[in-house]
Amino acid sequence: QFVESGGGLAQAGGSRRLSCTASGVVFKGK
């Protein structure tokens, strides 16, 4: 599965950075 992280609370106008990772088999060439 994919695993997401980086969420949370932000104020309007603000910023947030999300990350997502999975196995190489899933990512490769896709």
Full PDB file with SEQRES, HELIX, SHEET, SSBOND, CRYST1, ORIGX, SCALE, CONECT and MASTER records, all heavy atoms in Angstrom:
SEQRES   1 A   30  GLN PHE VAL GLU SER GLY GLY GLY LEU ALA GLN ALA GLY          
SEQRES   2 A   30  GLY SER ARG ARG LEU SER CYS THR ALA SER GLY VAL VAL          
SEQRES   3 A   30  PHE LYS GLY LYS                                              
HELIX    1 AA1 GLY A   24  PHE A   27  1                                   4    
SHEET    1 AA1 2 VAL A   3  SER A   5  0                                        
SHEET    2 AA1 2 SER A  19  THR A  21 -1                                        
CRYST1    1.000    1.000    1.000  90.00  90.00  90.00 P 1           1          
ORIGX1      1.000000  0.000000  0.000000        0.00000                         
ORIGX2      0.000000  1.000000  0.000000        0.00000                         
ORIGX3      0.000000  0.000000  1.000000        0.00000                         
SCALE1      1.000000  0.000000  0.000000        0.00000                         
SCALE2      0.000000  1.000000  0.000000        0.00000                         
SCALE3      0.000000  0.000000  1.000000        0.00000                         
ATOM      1  N   GLN A   1       0.843  -1.178   0.000  1.00  0.00           N  
ATOM      2  CA  GLN A   1       0.000   0.000   0.000  1.00  0.00           C  
ATOM      3  C   GLN A   1       0.880   1.230   0.000  1.00  0.00           C  
ATOM      4  O   GLN A   1       2.056   1.179   0.328  1.00  0.00           O  
ATOM      5  CB  GLN A   1      -0.877   0.044   1.262  1.00  0.00           C  
ATOM      6  CG  GLN A   1      -2.020  -0.936   1.294  1.00  0.00           C  
ATOM      7  CD  GLN A   1      -2.838  -0.780   2.555  1.00  0.00           C  
ATOM      8  OE1 GLN A   1      -2.299  -0.476   3.618  1.00  0.00           O  
ATOM      9  NE2 GLN A   1      -4.135  -1.016   2.462  1.00  0.00           N  
ATOM     10  N   PHE A   2       0.255   2.346  -0.361  1.00  0.00           N  
ATOM     11  CA  PHE A   2       0.934   3.616  -0.194  1.00  0.00           C  
ATOM     12  C   PHE A   2       0.784   4.074   1.260  1.00  0.00           C  
ATOM     13  O   PHE A   2      -0.217   3.779   1.909  1.00  0.00           O  
ATOM     14  CB  PHE A   2       0.325   4.666  -1.121  1.00  0.00           C  
ATOM     15  CG  PHE A   2       0.740   4.534  -2.550  1.00  0.00           C  
ATOM     16  CD1 PHE A   2      -0.022   3.798  -3.441  1.00  0.00           C  
ATOM     17  CD2 PHE A   2       1.899   5.124  -3.007  1.00  0.00           C  
ATOM     18  CE1 PHE A   2       0.368   3.661  -4.765  1.00  0.00           C  
ATOM     19  CE2 PHE A   2       2.292   5.005  -4.325  1.00  0.00           C  
ATOM     20  CZ  PHE A   2       1.531   4.272  -5.210  1.00  0.00           C  
ATOM     21  N   VAL A   3       1.781   4.790   1.750  1.00  0.00           N  
ATOM     22  CA  VAL A   3       1.753   5.322   3.108  1.00  0.00           C  
ATOM     23  C   VAL A   3       1.947   6.829   3.026  1.00  0.00           C  
ATOM     24  O   VAL A   3       2.991   7.298   2.554  1.00  0.00           O  
ATOM     25  CB  VAL A   3       2.849   4.688   3.978  1.00  0.00           C  
ATOM     26  CG1 VAL A   3       2.827   5.296   5.381  1.00  0.00           C  
ATOM     27  CG2 VAL A   3       2.665   3.179   4.052  1.00  0.00           C  
ATOM     28  N   GLU A   4       0.951   7.569   3.463  1.00  0.00           N  
ATOM     29  CA  GLU A   4       0.971   9.016   3.401  1.00  0.00           C  
ATOM     30  C   GLU A   4       1.296   9.613   4.774  1.00  0.00           C  
ATOM     31  O   GLU A   4       0.926   9.041   5.803  1.00  0.00           O  
ATOM     32  CB  GLU A   4      -0.405   9.549   2.943  1.00  0.00           C  
ATOM     33  CG  GLU A   4      -0.864   9.046   1.585  1.00  0.00           C  
ATOM     34  CD  GLU A   4      -1.664   7.758   1.675  1.00  0.00           C  
ATOM     35  OE1 GLU A   4      -1.743   7.176   2.783  1.00  0.00           O  
ATOM     36  OE2 GLU A   4      -2.198   7.322   0.627  1.00  0.00           O  
ATOM     37  N   SER A   5       1.939  10.772   4.757  1.00  0.00           N  
ATOM     38  CA  SER A   5       2.258  11.462   6.006  1.00  0.00           C  
ATOM     39  C   SER A   5       2.368  12.962   5.750  1.00  0.00           C  
ATOM     40  O   SER A   5       2.428  13.397   4.596  1.00  0.00           O  
ATOM     41  CB  SER A   5       3.562  10.935   6.600  1.00  0.00           C  
ATOM     42  OG  SER A   5       4.646  11.181   5.716  1.00  0.00           O  
ATOM     43  N   GLY A   6       2.383  13.727   6.844  1.00  0.00           N  
ATOM     44  CA  GLY A   6       2.586  15.167   6.741  1.00  0.00           C  
ATOM     45  C   GLY A   6       1.349  16.016   6.937  1.00  0.00           C  
ATOM     46  O   GLY A   6       1.426  17.246   6.928  1.00  0.00           O  
ATOM     47  N   GLY A   7       0.214  15.383   7.111  1.00  0.00           N  
ATOM     48  CA  GLY A   7      -1.013  16.143   7.298  1.00  0.00           C  
ATOM     49  C   GLY A   7      -1.071  16.795   8.670  1.00  0.00           C  
ATOM     50  O   GLY A   7      -0.201  16.607   9.516  1.00  0.00           O  
ATOM     51  N   GLY A   8      -2.092  17.597   8.861  1.00  0.00           N  
ATOM     52  CA  GLY A   8      -2.270  18.280  10.130  1.00  0.00           C  
ATOM     53  C   GLY A   8      -3.124  19.518   9.946  1.00  0.00           C  
ATOM     54  O   GLY A   8      -3.824  19.661   8.941  1.00  0.00           O  
ATOM     55  N   LEU A   9      -2.995  20.409  10.908  1.00  0.00           N  
ATOM     56  CA  LEU A   9      -3.795  21.635  10.900  1.00  0.00           C  
ATOM     57  C   LEU A   9      -2.996  22.775  10.281  1.00  0.00           C  
ATOM     58  O   LEU A   9      -1.803  22.904  10.544  1.00  0.00           O  
ATOM     59  CB  LEU A   9      -4.184  21.986  12.331  1.00  0.00           C  
ATOM     60  CG  LEU A   9      -5.101  23.183  12.541  1.00  0.00           C  
ATOM     61  CD1 LEU A   9      -6.456  22.926  11.903  1.00  0.00           C  
ATOM     62  CD2 LEU A   9      -5.243  23.467  14.030  1.00  0.00           C  
ATOM     63  N   ALA A  10      -3.653  23.559   9.451  1.00  0.00           N  
ATOM     64  CA  ALA A  10      -3.018  24.729   8.844  1.00  0.00           C  
ATOM     65  C   ALA A  10      -4.026  25.864   8.800  1.00  0.00           C  
ATOM     66  O   ALA A  10      -5.234  25.636   8.731  1.00  0.00           O  
ATOM     67  CB  ALA A  10      -2.521  24.407   7.438  1.00  0.00           C  
ATOM     68  N   GLN A  11      -3.517  27.061   8.817  1.00  0.00           N  
ATOM     69  CA  GLN A  11      -4.378  28.237   8.683  1.00  0.00           C  
ATOM     70  C   GLN A  11      -4.558  28.572   7.206  1.00  0.00           C  
ATOM     71  O   GLN A  11      -3.684  28.254   6.376  1.00  0.00           O  
ATOM     72  CB  GLN A  11      -3.767  29.428   9.416  1.00  0.00           C  
ATOM     73  CG  GLN A  11      -3.802  29.295  10.925  1.00  0.00           C  
ATOM     74  CD  GLN A  11      -3.394  30.584  11.615  1.00  0.00           C  
ATOM     75  OE1 GLN A  11      -2.644  31.381  11.066  1.00  0.00           O  
ATOM     76  NE2 GLN A  11      -3.896  30.787  12.823  1.00  0.00           N  
ATOM     77  N   ALA A  12      -5.651  29.173   6.885  1.00  0.00           N  
ATOM     78  CA  ALA A  12      -5.869  29.632   5.522  1.00  0.00           C  
ATOM     79  C   ALA A  12      -4.719  30.550   5.108  1.00  0.00           C  
ATOM     80  O   ALA A  12      -4.295  31.417   5.888  1.00  0.00           O  
ATOM     81  CB  ALA A  12      -7.194  30.363   5.424  1.00  0.00           C  
ATOM     82  N   GLY A  13      -4.204  30.306   3.917  1.00  0.00           N  
ATOM     83  CA  GLY A  13      -3.056  31.054   3.437  1.00  0.00           C  
ATOM     84  C   GLY A  13      -1.725  30.414   3.758  1.00  0.00           C  
ATOM     85  O   GLY A  13      -0.683  30.850   3.262  1.00  0.00           O  
ATOM     86  N   GLY A  14      -1.769  29.395   4.594  1.00  0.00           N  
ATOM     87  CA  GLY A  14      -0.546  28.725   5.008  1.00  0.00           C  
ATOM     88  C   GLY A  14      -0.134  27.619   4.055  1.00  0.00           C  
ATOM     89  O   GLY A  14      -0.691  27.462   2.965  1.00  0.00           O  
ATOM     90  N   SER A  15       0.850  26.834   4.507  1.00  0.00           N  
ATOM     91  CA  SER A  15       1.423  25.778   3.676  1.00  0.00           C  
ATOM     92  C   SER A  15       1.514  24.474   4.449  1.00  0.00           C  
ATOM     93  O   SER A  15       1.528  24.464   5.684  1.00  0.00           O  
ATOM     94  CB  SER A  15       2.827  26.180   3.200  1.00  0.00           C  
ATOM     95  OG  SER A  15       2.789  27.347   2.406  1.00  0.00           O  
ATOM     96  N   ARG A  16       1.579  23.418   3.682  1.00  0.00           N  
ATOM     97  CA  ARG A  16       1.750  22.090   4.253  1.00  0.00           C  
ATOM     98  C   ARG A  16       2.421  21.230   3.193  1.00  0.00           C  
ATOM     99  O   ARG A  16       2.169  21.396   1.999  1.00  0.00           O  
ATOM    100  CB  ARG A  16       0.390  21.501   4.613  1.00  0.00           C  
ATOM    101  CG  ARG A  16       0.425  20.418   5.643  1.00  0.00           C  
ATOM    102  CD  ARG A  16       0.453  20.985   7.041  1.00  0.00           C  
ATOM    103  NE  ARG A  16       0.808  19.950   7.990  1.00  0.00           N  
ATOM    104  CZ  ARG A  16       0.984  20.175   9.287  1.00  0.00           C  
ATOM    105  NH1 ARG A  16       0.801  21.384   9.785  1.00  0.00           N  
ATOM    106  NH2 ARG A  16       1.316  19.182  10.079  1.00  0.00           N  
ATOM    107  N   ARG A  17       3.275  20.276   3.623  1.00  0.00           N  
ATOM    108  CA  ARG A  17       3.931  19.378   2.684  1.00  0.00           C  
ATOM    109  C   ARG A  17       3.616  17.943   3.047  1.00  0.00           C  
ATOM    110  O   ARG A  17       3.896  17.499   4.165  1.00  0.00           O  
ATOM    111  CB  ARG A  17       5.448  19.580   2.707  1.00  0.00           C  
ATOM    112  CG  ARG A  17       6.182  18.832   1.602  1.00  0.00           C  
ATOM    113  CD  ARG A  17       7.660  18.812   1.865  1.00  0.00           C  
ATOM    114  NE  ARG A  17       8.446  18.411   0.701  1.00  0.00           N  
ATOM    115  CZ  ARG A  17       9.630  17.815   0.786  1.00  0.00           C  
ATOM    116  NH1 ARG A  17      10.168  17.581   1.978  1.00  0.00           N  
ATOM    117  NH2 ARG A  17      10.292  17.497  -0.315  1.00  0.00           N  
ATOM    118  N   LEU A  18       3.052  17.235   2.091  1.00  0.00           N  
ATOM    119  CA  LEU A  18       2.717  15.828   2.281  1.00  0.00           C  
ATOM    120  C   LEU A  18       3.770  14.946   1.615  1.00  0.00           C  
ATOM    121  O   LEU A  18       4.354  15.319   0.601  1.00  0.00           O  
ATOM    122  CB  LEU A  18       1.346  15.519   1.689  1.00  0.00           C  
ATOM    123  CG  LEU A  18       0.166  16.343   2.223  1.00  0.00           C  
ATOM    124  CD1 LEU A  18      -1.118  15.888   1.522  1.00  0.00           C  
ATOM    125  CD2 LEU A  18       0.041  16.205   3.714  1.00  0.00           C  
ATOM    126  N   SER A  19       3.970  13.774   2.194  1.00  0.00           N  
ATOM    127  CA  SER A  19       4.876  12.781   1.624  1.00  0.00           C  
ATOM    128  C   SER A  19       4.129  11.474   1.450  1.00  0.00           C  
ATOM    129  O   SER A  19       3.203  11.163   2.207  1.00  0.00           O  
ATOM    130  CB  SER A  19       6.086  12.560   2.524  1.00  0.00           C  
ATOM    131  OG  SER A  19       6.828  13.741   2.694  1.00  0.00           O  
ATOM    132  N   CYS A  20       4.570  10.694   0.492  1.00  0.00           N  
ATOM    133  CA  CYS A  20       3.934   9.412   0.210  1.00  0.00           C  
ATOM    134  C   CYS A  20       5.019   8.447  -0.239  1.00  0.00           C  
ATOM    135  O   CYS A  20       5.837   8.780  -1.085  1.00  0.00           O  
ATOM    136  CB  CYS A  20       2.889   9.599  -0.876  1.00  0.00           C  
ATOM    137  SG  CYS A  20       2.329   8.084  -1.624  1.00  0.00           S  
ATOM    138  N   THR A  21       5.007   7.264   0.307  1.00  0.00           N  
ATOM    139  CA  THR A  21       5.995   6.291  -0.078  1.00  0.00           C  
ATOM    140  C   THR A  21       5.367   4.926  -0.264  1.00  0.00           C  
ATOM    141  O   THR A  21       4.285   4.650   0.263  1.00  0.00           O  
ATOM    142  CB  THR A  21       7.110   6.214   0.979  1.00  0.00           C  
ATOM    143  OG1 THR A  21       8.168   5.401   0.498  1.00  0.00           O  
ATOM    144  CG2 THR A  21       6.593   5.653   2.291  1.00  0.00           C  
ATOM    145  N   ALA A  22       6.025   4.089  -1.047  1.00  0.00           N  
ATOM    146  CA  ALA A  22       5.585   2.717  -1.264  1.00  0.00           C  
ATOM    147  C   ALA A  22       6.802   1.932  -1.739  1.00  0.00           C  
ATOM    148  O   ALA A  22       7.895   2.476  -1.863  1.00  0.00           O  
ATOM    149  CB  ALA A  22       4.454   2.656  -2.275  1.00  0.00           C  
ATOM    150  N   SER A  23       6.607   0.671  -1.975  1.00  0.00           N  
ATOM    151  CA  SER A  23       7.726  -0.154  -2.399  1.00  0.00           C  
ATOM    152  C   SER A  23       8.170   0.227  -3.810  1.00  0.00           C  
ATOM    153  O   SER A  23       7.420   0.808  -4.578  1.00  0.00           O  
ATOM    154  CB  SER A  23       7.333  -1.625  -2.370  1.00  0.00           C  
ATOM    155  OG  SER A  23       6.421  -1.884  -3.420  1.00  0.00           O  
ATOM    156  N   GLY A  24       9.406  -0.112  -4.127  1.00  0.00           N  
ATOM    157  CA  GLY A  24       9.933   0.191  -5.444  1.00  0.00           C  
ATOM    158  C   GLY A  24       9.177  -0.492  -6.560  1.00  0.00           C  
ATOM    159  O   GLY A  24       9.041   0.044  -7.654  1.00  0.00           O  
ATOM    160  N   VAL A  25       8.652  -1.651  -6.258  1.00  0.00           N  
ATOM    161  CA  VAL A  25       7.883  -2.383  -7.257  1.00  0.00           C  
ATOM    162  C   VAL A  25       6.677  -1.575  -7.692  1.00  0.00           C  
ATOM    163  O   VAL A  25       6.283  -1.565  -8.849  1.00  0.00           O  
ATOM    164  CB  VAL A  25       7.438  -3.749  -6.702  1.00  0.00           C  
ATOM    165  CG1 VAL A  25       6.485  -4.429  -7.678  1.00  0.00           C  
ATOM    166  CG2 VAL A  25       8.647  -4.624  -6.440  1.00  0.00           C  
ATOM    167  N   VAL A  26       6.076  -0.886  -6.739  1.00  0.00           N  
ATOM    168  CA  VAL A  26       4.883  -0.099  -7.040  1.00  0.00           C  
ATOM    169  C   VAL A  26       5.247   1.154  -7.814  1.00  0.00           C  
ATOM    170  O   VAL A  26       4.567   1.554  -8.744  1.00  0.00           O  
ATOM    171  CB  VAL A  26       4.154   0.270  -5.735  1.00  0.00           C  
ATOM    172  CG1 VAL A  26       3.007   1.238  -6.008  1.00  0.00           C  
ATOM    173  CG2 VAL A  26       3.641  -0.980  -5.043  1.00  0.00           C  
ATOM    174  N   PHE A  27       6.329   1.810  -7.438  1.00  0.00           N  
ATOM    175  CA  PHE A  27       6.688   3.103  -8.003  1.00  0.00           C  
ATOM    176  C   PHE A  27       7.302   3.010  -9.394  1.00  0.00           C  
ATOM    177  O   PHE A  27       7.056   3.885 -10.227  1.00  0.00           O  
ATOM    178  CB  PHE A  27       7.705   3.789  -7.082  1.00  0.00           C  
ATOM    179  CG  PHE A  27       7.112   4.816  -6.183  1.00  0.00           C  
ATOM    180  CD1 PHE A  27       6.371   4.438  -5.098  1.00  0.00           C  
ATOM    181  CD2 PHE A  27       7.316   6.165  -6.425  1.00  0.00           C  
ATOM    182  CE1 PHE A  27       5.820   5.378  -4.244  1.00  0.00           C  
ATOM    183  CE2 PHE A  27       6.767   7.117  -5.584  1.00  0.00           C  
ATOM    184  CZ  PHE A  27       6.022   6.722  -4.484  1.00  0.00           C  
ATOM    185  N   LYS A  28       8.077   1.982  -9.634  1.00  0.00           N  
ATOM    186  CA  LYS A  28       8.937   1.964 -10.809  1.00  0.00           C  
ATOM    187  C   LYS A  28       8.156   2.128 -12.093  1.00  0.00           C  
ATOM    188  O   LYS A  28       7.263   1.330 -12.400  1.00  0.00           O  
ATOM    189  CB  LYS A  28       9.740   0.665 -10.838  1.00  0.00           C  
ATOM    190  CG  LYS A  28      10.799   0.637 -11.916  1.00  0.00           C  
ATOM    191  CD  LYS A  28      11.654  -0.615 -11.805  1.00  0.00           C  
ATOM    192  CE  LYS A  28      12.762  -0.617 -12.845  1.00  0.00           C  
ATOM    193  NZ  LYS A  28      13.620  -1.822 -12.746  1.00  0.00           N  
ATOM    194  N   GLY A  29       8.503   3.161 -12.858  1.00  0.00           N  
ATOM    195  CA  GLY A  29       7.925   3.366 -14.168  1.00  0.00           C  
ATOM    196  C   GLY A  29       6.477   3.810 -14.185  1.00  0.00           C  
ATOM    197  O   GLY A  29       5.862   3.858 -15.244  1.00  0.00           O  
ATOM    198  N   LYS A  30       5.924   4.142 -13.036  1.00  0.00           N  
ATOM    199  CA  LYS A  30       4.499   4.445 -12.967  1.00  0.00           C  
ATOM    200  C   LYS A  30       4.246   5.938 -12.759  1.00  0.00           C  
ATOM    201  O   LYS A  30       5.055   6.651 -12.187  1.00  0.00           O  
ATOM    202  CB  LYS A  30       3.852   3.691 -11.805  1.00  0.00           C  
ATOM    203  CG  LYS A  30       4.016   2.190 -11.845  1.00  0.00           C  
ATOM    204  CD  LYS A  30       3.291   1.558 -12.980  1.00  0.00           C  
ATOM    205  CE  LYS A  30       3.116   0.066 -12.805  1.00  0.00           C  
ATOM    206  NZ  LYS A  30       4.383  -0.631 -12.568  1.00  0.00           N  
TER     207      LYS A  30                                                      
MASTER        0    0    0    1    2    0    0    6  206    1    0    3          
END                                                                             
